């Protein structure tokens, strides 16, 4: 058996902690799940019954990846096709929003094939896993629900196939939550233009209030899967290097300063100042001054930048402009872990239009070819932080030593002054004594 890929769920409680491998056995690929601890064996074996129940629900319109038990593991058939996440990415890259909405609608139909009735009433089992929410007669529910039915777990070949169904429950769960969860966990949907997101939210009645309610369910579900042994903030402290601040990784919904410089004779002049956001960014600018090159600072460190397009308008016709970045790789998207992403333009033009999409670094988005780059960059950042800390400590010690020396010199000077003053006072007193004695002798 040859192991091609491994992923561990080490943030979970022992009874849910599984390791997933992509393996090759006699030239054939499989997805292989193994319980990391013996407490996880019941959760692992439950997947076998999940497959049978899901097949009954999905019937012939949507396939369910075949699974079997082998020794202490279970093996899934490896289905080679395009996931709904990948299909959504293709539509996003082509800006084919009609196609994107078709994919989302297809996904919605798959989720709602699990529907058994209308009207939700929370059971004790539901509250234990997803927390307390109000009963709602308008919500469609399923009595057997695959909560992990997300975009990346649906592969399209000749029809959709569900490839992972670890988290299935035999109690009533609102299907709108499962649909929302698919959107919420999709990295591609997260960078869709806001206007397209609003179309989806309106079409499927995902109001702000409803999405907040489902977010509360998701937090409770995550707490359930990790055993509620640690708070989220404790988990962050447990897994992240101390040189990073996790808040720097979560800038969704926030803005980042976007600055445009014109460089002439190695002097920089700021000619534009604005903001960029997670997702797609587009801006245009008229340029009056002569310059050697333009430098556009577009996003924070730890960014993934894709879809960069730089153009200029000449007599009403748009023309592409060549550009470069401070990331040497030719791959798309570009990964910036060591430094702030910068776009360089050397061609002269009187106006410019720049568009790009921004996301945050994550190991899943890298792919096998870039993992070494990622690890090397992590080491670079850690080594740089250590070096900076060492320099800062040295400078601090030098400042402390200088202050201590200055203080010691001040003490010595003060002592000398006090002694001199004492001597001076004693001499004056002696002179006064002599004068008094001389007067007494006169008498």
Protein backbone atom coordinates (compact mmCIF):
# COMPACT_ATOMS: atom_id res chain seq x y z
CA UNK A 1 0.00 0.00 0.00
CA UNK A 2 1.35 3.40 -1.05
CA UNK A 3 0.15 6.47 0.92
CA UNK A 4 -0.23 9.51 -1.36
CA UNK A 5 -1.81 12.00 1.04
CA UNK A 6 -2.65 12.17 4.76
CA UNK A 7 -4.96 14.44 6.72
CA UNK A 8 -5.54 14.19 10.49
CA UNK A 9 -8.47 15.61 12.49
CA UNK A 10 -6.37 16.22 15.59
CA UNK A 11 -8.52 19.15 16.76
CA UNK A 12 -11.37 16.77 17.56
CA UNK A 13 -12.29 14.83 20.66
CA UNK A 14 -10.86 11.30 20.82
CA UNK A 15 -14.20 9.65 19.93
CA UNK A 16 -14.35 11.62 16.64
CA UNK A 17 -10.66 11.79 15.77
CA UNK A 18 -10.09 10.11 12.40
CA UNK A 19 -7.12 10.08 10.02
CA UNK A 20 -7.83 10.19 6.29
CA UNK A 21 -5.34 8.85 3.72
CA UNK A 22 -5.38 8.68 -0.06
CA UNK A 23 -3.78 5.30 -0.72
CA UNK A 24 -2.87 3.21 -3.72
CA UNK A 25 -3.43 -0.55 -3.47
CA UNK A 26 -2.43 -2.73 -6.44
CA UNK A 27 -2.55 0.31 -8.70
CA UNK A 28 -6.04 1.37 -7.55
CA UNK A 29 -6.74 4.46 -5.43
CA UNK A 30 -8.90 4.60 -2.32
CA UNK A 31 -9.73 7.09 0.44
CA UNK A 32 -8.94 5.36 3.72
CA UNK A 33 -10.20 6.42 7.17
CA UNK A 34 -8.75 5.11 10.43
CA UNK A 35 -9.69 5.85 14.04
CA UNK A 36 -6.75 7.53 15.78
CA UNK A 37 -7.93 6.34 19.21
CA UNK A 38 -9.94 3.25 20.16
CA UNK A 39 -12.74 5.55 21.38
CA UNK A 40 -13.25 6.57 17.73
CA UNK A 41 -13.99 3.08 16.39
CA UNK A 42 -17.81 3.34 16.88
CA UNK A 43 -17.82 6.69 15.02
CA UNK A 44 -15.75 5.13 12.23
CA UNK A 45 -17.97 2.05 11.87
CA UNK A 46 -21.11 4.21 11.86
CA UNK A 47 -20.00 5.49 8.44
CA UNK A 48 -20.86 2.08 6.96
CA UNK A 49 -24.50 2.37 8.03
CA UNK A 50 -24.53 6.03 6.92
CA UNK A 51 -23.76 4.85 3.38
CA UNK A 52 -26.75 2.49 3.31
CA UNK A 53 -29.17 5.09 4.69
CA UNK A 54 -27.89 7.80 2.33
CA UNK A 55 -28.33 5.55 -0.72
CA UNK A 56 -31.99 5.05 0.19
CA UNK A 57 -32.48 8.82 0.44
CA UNK A 58 -30.61 9.79 -2.72
CA UNK A 59 -32.00 6.96 -4.89
CA UNK A 60 -30.64 7.04 -8.46
CA UNK A 61 -30.31 10.79 -9.05
CA UNK A 62 -27.24 11.20 -6.84
CA UNK A 63 -24.66 8.46 -6.27
CA UNK A 64 -23.07 7.58 -2.94
CA UNK A 65 -19.41 6.59 -2.94
CA UNK A 66 -19.02 2.88 -2.18
CA UNK A 67 -17.35 2.00 1.12
CA UNK A 68 -16.20 -1.20 2.79
CA UNK A 69 -14.45 -2.25 5.97
CA UNK A 70 -10.92 -3.61 5.82
CA UNK A 71 -9.17 -4.62 9.06
CA UNK A 72 -9.28 -1.57 11.37
CA UNK A 73 -10.04 0.91 8.58
CA UNK A 74 -12.74 1.69 6.03
CA UNK A 75 -12.03 2.23 2.34
CA UNK A 76 -13.95 4.55 0.02
CA UNK A 77 -13.77 4.10 -3.75
CA UNK A 78 -11.78 6.95 -5.25
CA UNK A 79 -14.03 8.90 -7.63
CA UNK A 80 -12.13 10.89 -10.24
CA UNK A 81 -14.15 13.91 -11.30
CA UNK A 82 -14.71 17.59 -10.50
CA UNK A 83 -16.06 18.58 -7.12
CA UNK A 84 -18.83 21.15 -6.92
CA UNK A 85 -16.25 23.44 -5.31
CA UNK A 86 -14.03 23.11 -8.39
CA UNK A 87 -17.00 23.67 -10.71
CA UNK A 88 -17.88 26.77 -8.74
CA UNK A 89 -14.25 27.96 -9.04
CA UNK A 90 -14.37 27.57 -12.84
CA UNK A 91 -17.56 29.65 -13.01
CA UNK A 92 -15.97 32.28 -10.73
CA UNK A 93 -12.78 32.53 -12.83
CA UNK A 94 -14.87 32.97 -16.00
CA UNK A 95 -17.27 35.34 -14.19
CA UNK A 96 -20.08 33.11 -15.45
CA UNK A 97 -22.53 33.94 -12.68
CA UNK A 98 -25.44 32.20 -14.41
CA UNK A 99 -23.43 28.97 -14.37
CA UNK A 100 -22.49 29.56 -10.71
CA UNK A 101 -26.16 29.93 -9.78
CA UNK A 102 -26.97 26.71 -11.68
CA UNK A 103 -24.34 24.82 -9.65
CA UNK A 104 -25.71 26.24 -6.39
CA UNK A 105 -29.25 25.29 -7.43
CA UNK A 106 -28.11 21.74 -8.25
CA UNK A 107 -26.44 21.57 -4.82
CA UNK A 108 -29.64 22.87 -3.17
CA UNK A 109 -31.67 20.07 -4.83
CA UNK A 110 -29.22 17.43 -3.55
CA UNK A 111 -29.52 18.76 0.01
CA UNK A 112 -33.31 18.85 -0.13
CA UNK A 113 -33.54 15.24 -1.34
CA UNK A 114 -33.11 14.48 2.38
CA UNK A 115 -36.39 16.30 3.17
CA UNK A 116 -39.05 14.23 4.96
CA UNK A 117 -41.39 16.87 6.36
CA UNK A 118 -41.99 20.57 7.01
CA UNK A 119 -41.84 21.98 10.50
CA UNK A 120 -38.89 21.86 12.86
CA UNK A 121 -39.07 20.91 16.53
CA UNK A 122 -35.78 20.63 18.44
CA UNK A 123 -35.15 17.29 20.13
CA UNK A 124 -32.82 16.67 23.06
CA UNK A 125 -30.36 15.01 20.66
CA UNK A 126 -30.44 18.11 18.44
CA UNK A 127 -29.83 20.50 21.36
CA UNK A 128 -26.91 18.37 22.56
CA UNK A 129 -25.13 18.73 19.19
CA UNK A 130 -26.35 22.03 17.69
CA UNK A 131 -27.54 24.02 20.69
CA UNK A 132 -30.93 25.53 21.35
CA UNK A 133 -32.87 27.26 18.58
CA UNK A 134 -36.54 28.14 18.28
CA UNK A 135 -39.00 25.69 16.75
CA UNK A 136 -40.10 26.80 13.28
CA UNK A 137 -43.06 25.54 11.23
CA UNK A 138 -41.59 26.99 8.00
CA UNK A 139 -38.36 24.96 7.99
CA UNK A 140 -38.05 21.76 5.95
CA UNK A 141 -36.29 18.99 7.88
CA UNK A 142 -34.88 15.55 7.33
CA UNK A 143 -34.98 12.68 9.80
CA UNK A 144 -31.70 11.32 8.40
CA UNK A 145 -29.35 14.16 7.47
CA UNK A 146 -25.78 14.31 6.16
CA UNK A 147 -24.52 17.55 7.73
CA UNK A 148 -21.14 17.26 5.98
CA UNK A 149 -22.75 17.46 2.52
CA UNK A 150 -20.59 20.42 1.45
CA UNK A 151 -19.44 21.48 -2.04
CA UNK A 152 -16.06 19.72 -1.80
CA UNK A 153 -17.76 16.43 -0.80
CA UNK A 154 -19.86 16.25 -3.97
CA UNK A 155 -18.03 15.02 -7.10
CA UNK A 156 -19.60 15.23 -10.55
CA UNK A 157 -18.80 12.52 -13.10
CA UNK A 158 -21.86 11.38 -15.08
CA UNK A 159 -23.96 12.56 -12.12
CA UNK A 160 -23.22 13.92 -8.64
CA UNK A 161 -21.58 11.52 -6.16
CA UNK A 162 -21.31 12.08 -2.41
CA UNK A 163 -17.81 11.03 -1.36
CA UNK A 164 -17.76 11.69 2.40
CA UNK A 165 -20.66 11.21 4.80
CA UNK A 166 -18.99 10.95 8.19
CA UNK A 167 -21.37 13.33 9.97
CA UNK A 168 -24.89 11.93 9.56
CA UNK A 169 -27.61 12.16 12.22
CA UNK A 170 -30.87 10.26 12.79
CA UNK A 171 -32.89 13.17 14.17
CA UNK A 172 -34.63 16.18 12.67
CA UNK A 173 -32.29 18.90 11.38
CA UNK A 174 -33.27 21.97 9.28
CA UNK A 175 -32.06 21.40 5.71
CA UNK A 176 -31.63 25.13 5.20
CA UNK A 177 -28.80 24.93 7.77
CA UNK A 178 -27.08 22.18 5.73
CA UNK A 179 -27.43 24.31 2.58
CA UNK A 180 -26.10 27.41 4.40
CA UNK A 181 -23.22 25.34 5.78
CA UNK A 182 -22.21 24.37 2.24
CA UNK A 183 -22.01 28.05 1.29
CA UNK A 184 -20.32 28.99 4.58
CA UNK A 185 -17.53 26.40 4.18
CA UNK A 186 -16.95 27.12 0.48
CA UNK A 187 -13.75 29.14 -0.04
CA UNK A 188 -14.88 30.05 -3.55
CA UNK A 189 -18.30 31.32 -2.53
CA UNK A 190 -16.62 33.43 0.19
CA UNK A 191 -14.89 35.53 -2.50
CA UNK A 192 -17.96 35.93 -4.72
CA UNK A 193 -18.99 39.55 -5.36
CA UNK A 194 -21.37 40.80 -2.68
CA UNK A 195 -24.12 41.37 -5.22
CA UNK A 196 -24.03 37.69 -6.29
CA UNK A 197 -24.04 36.55 -2.66
CA UNK A 198 -27.12 38.69 -2.03
CA UNK A 199 -28.87 37.07 -5.02
CA UNK A 200 -28.21 33.65 -3.47
CA UNK A 201 -29.30 34.73 0.01
CA UNK A 202 -32.51 36.29 -1.34
CA UNK A 203 -33.33 33.33 -3.61
CA UNK A 204 -33.04 30.80 -0.78
CA UNK A 205 -34.42 33.04 1.98
CA UNK A 206 -31.18 33.15 3.95
CA UNK A 207 -31.85 36.36 5.87
CA UNK A 208 -29.28 38.01 8.15
CA UNK A 209 -31.18 36.73 11.18
CA UNK A 210 -31.32 33.19 9.79
CA UNK A 211 -27.60 33.16 8.94
CA UNK A 212 -26.75 34.33 12.48
CA UNK A 213 -28.90 31.53 13.85
CA UNK A 214 -27.14 28.94 11.67
CA UNK A 215 -23.74 30.34 12.66
CA UNK A 216 -24.67 29.65 16.28
CA UNK A 217 -25.56 26.07 15.31
CA UNK A 218 -22.21 25.70 13.52
CA UNK A 219 -20.27 26.91 16.56
CA UNK A 220 -22.14 24.42 18.77
CA UNK A 221 -21.46 21.62 16.24
CA UNK A 222 -17.72 22.40 16.20
CA UNK A 223 -17.72 22.48 20.02
CA UNK A 224 -19.45 19.07 19.99
CA UNK A 225 -16.92 17.53 17.59
CA UNK A 226 -13.94 18.65 19.67
CA UNK A 227 -15.53 17.56 22.93
CA UNK A 228 -15.87 21.10 24.36
CA UNK A 229 -12.58 20.46 26.13
CA UNK A 230 -11.07 23.79 25.07
CA UNK A 231 -12.48 27.13 24.07
CA UNK A 232 -11.70 28.41 20.57
CA UNK A 233 -9.21 30.90 21.95
CA UNK A 234 -7.50 28.10 23.88
CA UNK A 235 -7.34 26.02 20.71
CA UNK A 236 -5.63 28.89 18.89
CA UNK A 237 -3.03 29.22 21.65
CA UNK A 238 -2.48 25.48 21.49
CA UNK A 239 -1.84 25.20 17.74
CA UNK A 240 -0.37 28.51 16.55
CA UNK A 241 3.23 29.73 16.87
CA UNK A 242 3.49 32.61 19.31
CA UNK A 243 4.97 34.87 16.61
CA UNK A 244 1.58 34.98 14.82
CA UNK A 245 -1.55 36.81 15.88
CA UNK A 246 -4.59 34.82 14.73
CA UNK A 247 -6.54 38.07 14.29
CA UNK A 248 -4.25 38.87 11.34
CA UNK A 249 -5.64 35.78 9.61
CA UNK A 250 -9.26 36.81 10.02
CA UNK A 251 -9.85 39.96 8.02
CA UNK A 252 -13.08 38.84 6.36
CA UNK A 253 -15.41 41.83 6.10
CA UNK A 254 -12.61 44.23 6.96
CA UNK A 255 -10.65 46.59 4.73
CA UNK A 256 -6.91 46.86 4.09
CA UNK A 257 -5.06 50.05 3.08
CA UNK A 258 -4.37 50.09 -0.66
CA UNK A 259 -1.64 52.52 -1.74
CA UNK A 260 -0.34 53.44 -5.21
CA UNK A 261 3.14 54.95 -5.64
CA UNK A 262 4.81 56.52 -8.68
CA UNK A 263 8.58 56.01 -8.57
CA UNK A 264 10.84 58.56 -10.27
CA UNK A 265 14.63 58.64 -9.77
CA UNK A 266 14.20 56.25 -6.85
CA UNK A 267 11.86 58.67 -5.08
CA UNK A 268 8.31 57.55 -4.30
CA UNK A 269 5.28 59.82 -4.66
CA UNK A 270 1.94 58.63 -3.32
CA UNK A 271 -0.64 59.13 -6.09
CA UNK A 272 -3.55 57.01 -4.83
CA UNK A 273 -4.83 55.89 -1.46
CA UNK A 274 -7.83 53.64 -0.89
CA UNK A 275 -8.84 50.27 0.54
CA UNK A 276 -9.06 46.66 -0.64
CA UNK A 277 -11.39 43.96 0.64
CA UNK A 278 -11.49 40.15 0.75
CA UNK A 279 -12.84 38.98 -2.59
CA UNK A 280 -12.68 40.80 -5.92
CA UNK A 281 -11.30 44.35 -6.10
CA UNK A 282 -11.44 46.75 -9.08
CA UNK A 283 -10.28 50.38 -9.34
CA UNK A 284 -9.30 52.89 -12.02
CA UNK A 285 -6.90 55.83 -11.84
CA UNK A 286 -5.80 58.71 -14.06
CA UNK A 287 -2.03 59.32 -13.99
CA UNK A 288 -0.57 62.76 -14.78
CA UNK A 289 3.06 62.71 -13.66
CA UNK A 290 5.94 61.06 -15.46
CA UNK A 291 7.37 58.01 -13.69
CA UNK A 292 9.88 55.18 -13.97
CA UNK A 293 7.48 52.58 -12.54
CA UNK A 294 4.29 52.24 -10.54
CA UNK A 295 4.02 50.20 -7.34
CA UNK A 296 0.65 49.10 -6.00
CA UNK A 297 0.48 47.73 -2.45
CA UNK A 298 -2.75 45.73 -2.48
CA UNK A 299 -3.19 43.37 0.52
CA UNK A 300 -1.73 42.18 3.83
CA UNK A 301 0.94 39.58 4.36
CA UNK A 302 -0.49 36.02 4.40
CA UNK A 303 -2.58 36.68 1.28
CA UNK A 304 -3.51 34.60 -1.74
CA UNK A 305 -3.95 36.86 -4.77
CA UNK A 306 -5.56 35.64 -8.00
CA UNK A 307 -7.08 37.05 -11.16
CA UNK A 308 -4.69 40.00 -11.49
CA UNK A 309 -5.56 42.03 -14.60
CA UNK A 310 -3.99 45.41 -15.46
CA UNK A 311 -5.28 47.44 -18.43
CA UNK A 312 -5.25 50.96 -19.88
CA UNK A 313 -7.74 52.79 -22.09
CA UNK A 314 -6.36 54.26 -25.35
CA UNK A 315 -8.85 56.12 -27.55
CA UNK A 316 -11.74 54.14 -26.09
CA UNK A 317 -10.04 50.75 -26.51
CA UNK A 318 -8.92 48.72 -23.52
CA UNK A 319 -5.43 47.21 -23.75
CA UNK A 320 -3.59 44.87 -21.37
CA UNK A 321 -0.52 46.18 -19.55
CA UNK A 322 2.37 43.93 -18.53
CA UNK A 323 3.03 43.75 -14.81
CA UNK A 324 5.12 41.85 -12.31
CA UNK A 325 4.81 41.11 -8.59
CA UNK A 326 7.19 40.60 -5.70
CA UNK A 327 6.33 36.89 -5.83
CA UNK A 328 8.66 35.13 -8.27
CA UNK A 329 6.49 32.04 -8.93
CA UNK A 330 4.55 31.95 -12.19
CA UNK A 331 1.75 29.88 -10.66
CA UNK A 332 -1.77 31.19 -10.17
CA UNK A 333 -2.86 32.18 -7.64
CA UNK A 334 0.14 33.83 -6.03
CA UNK A 335 0.94 33.13 -2.39
CA UNK A 336 2.43 35.90 -0.26
CA UNK A 337 3.53 34.73 3.16
CA UNK A 338 6.85 36.55 3.47
CA UNK A 339 5.80 40.02 2.41
CA UNK A 340 3.05 42.43 1.43
CA UNK A 341 1.76 41.77 -2.13
CA UNK A 342 2.91 44.45 -4.57
CA UNK A 343 2.10 44.88 -8.29
CA UNK A 344 4.79 46.60 -10.39
CA UNK A 345 4.04 48.40 -13.69
CA UNK A 346 6.82 49.93 -15.81
CA UNK A 347 4.87 50.75 -18.98
CA UNK A 348 3.91 54.41 -19.34
CA UNK A 349 0.20 55.22 -19.53
CA UNK A 350 -2.16 58.09 -18.70
CA UNK A 351 -4.76 55.90 -17.01
CA UNK A 352 -4.81 52.45 -15.47
CA UNK A 353 -7.38 49.89 -14.35
CA UNK A 354 -6.42 47.10 -11.93
CA UNK A 355 -8.48 44.15 -10.76
CA UNK A 356 -7.56 41.26 -8.49
CA UNK A 357 -9.08 38.88 -5.94
CA UNK A 358 -7.72 38.42 -2.42
CA UNK A 359 -8.05 35.55 0.03
CA UNK A 360 -6.07 34.41 3.08
CA UNK A 361 -3.40 31.71 3.14
CA UNK A 362 -4.53 28.22 4.15
CA UNK A 363 -2.80 24.89 3.70
CA UNK A 364 -5.72 23.34 1.76
CA UNK A 365 -5.51 25.99 -0.97
CA UNK A 366 -1.83 25.36 -1.65
CA UNK A 367 -1.80 21.99 -3.43
CA UNK A 368 1.03 19.49 -3.28
CA UNK A 369 3.38 21.54 -5.48
CA UNK A 370 3.43 24.46 -3.06
CA UNK A 371 3.58 22.73 0.32
CA UNK A 372 7.38 22.93 0.46
CA UNK A 373 7.19 26.63 -0.38
CA UNK A 374 4.63 27.08 2.39
CA UNK A 375 6.78 25.25 4.97
CA UNK A 376 9.92 27.11 3.90
CA UNK A 377 8.04 30.40 4.20
CA UNK A 378 6.79 29.48 7.66
CA UNK A 379 10.37 28.72 8.70
CA UNK A 380 11.49 32.00 7.13
CA UNK A 381 8.90 33.98 9.10
CA UNK A 382 9.77 32.16 12.33
CA UNK A 383 13.51 32.62 11.80
CA UNK A 384 13.01 36.29 10.94
CA UNK A 385 10.87 36.79 14.04
CA UNK A 386 13.50 35.08 16.19
CA UNK A 387 16.23 37.23 14.65
CA UNK A 388 14.21 40.42 15.16
CA UNK A 389 13.50 39.41 18.74
CA UNK A 390 17.19 38.74 19.33
CA UNK A 391 18.11 42.16 17.90
CA UNK A 392 15.39 43.84 19.96
CA UNK A 393 16.62 42.14 23.11
CA UNK A 394 20.19 43.22 22.33
CA UNK A 395 19.10 46.81 21.75
CA UNK A 396 17.03 46.74 24.92
CA UNK A 397 19.98 45.39 26.90
CA UNK A 398 22.24 48.07 25.41
CA UNK A 399 19.73 50.76 26.42
CA UNK A 400 19.43 49.29 29.91
CA UNK A 401 23.22 49.12 30.26
CA UNK A 402 23.52 52.74 29.09
CA UNK A 403 20.88 53.88 31.59
CA UNK A 404 22.52 51.88 34.38
CA UNK A 405 25.91 53.40 33.50
CA UNK A 406 24.43 56.90 33.42
CA UNK A 407 22.74 56.25 36.76
CA UNK A 408 25.99 55.00 38.29
CA UNK A 409 27.86 58.04 36.99
CA UNK A 410 25.15 60.28 38.42
CA UNK A 411 25.50 58.55 41.80
CA UNK A 412 29.28 59.04 41.79
CA UNK A 413 28.89 62.68 40.78
CA UNK A 414 26.28 63.22 43.46
CA UNK A 415 28.52 61.64 46.09
CA UNK A 416 31.43 63.89 45.10
CA UNK A 417 29.21 66.96 45.18
CA UNK A 418 27.87 66.07 48.63
CA UNK A 419 31.39 65.51 49.94
CA UNK A 420 32.59 68.77 48.43
CA UNK A 421 29.61 70.55 49.96
CA UNK A 422 30.29 68.97 53.32
CA UNK A 423 33.95 70.05 53.15
CA UNK A 424 32.88 73.55 52.19
CA UNK A 425 30.41 73.77 55.07
CA UNK A 426 32.97 72.44 57.54
CA UNK A 427 35.54 75.02 56.34
CA UNK A 428 33.01 77.85 56.71
CA UNK A 429 32.14 76.67 60.19
CA UNK A 430 35.83 76.53 61.09
CA UNK A 431 36.34 80.11 59.82
CA UNK A 432 33.39 81.32 61.89
CA UNK A 433 34.84 79.59 64.94
CA UNK A 434 38.22 81.30 64.44
CA UNK A 435 36.51 84.72 64.20
CA UNK A 436 34.59 84.14 67.41
CA UNK A 437 37.69 82.97 69.25
CA UNK A 438 39.71 85.97 68.06
CA UNK A 439 37.05 88.34 69.41
CA UNK A 440 37.15 86.59 72.76
CA UNK A 441 40.94 87.02 72.88
CA UNK A 442 40.53 90.78 72.23
CA UNK A 443 38.55 91.09 75.43
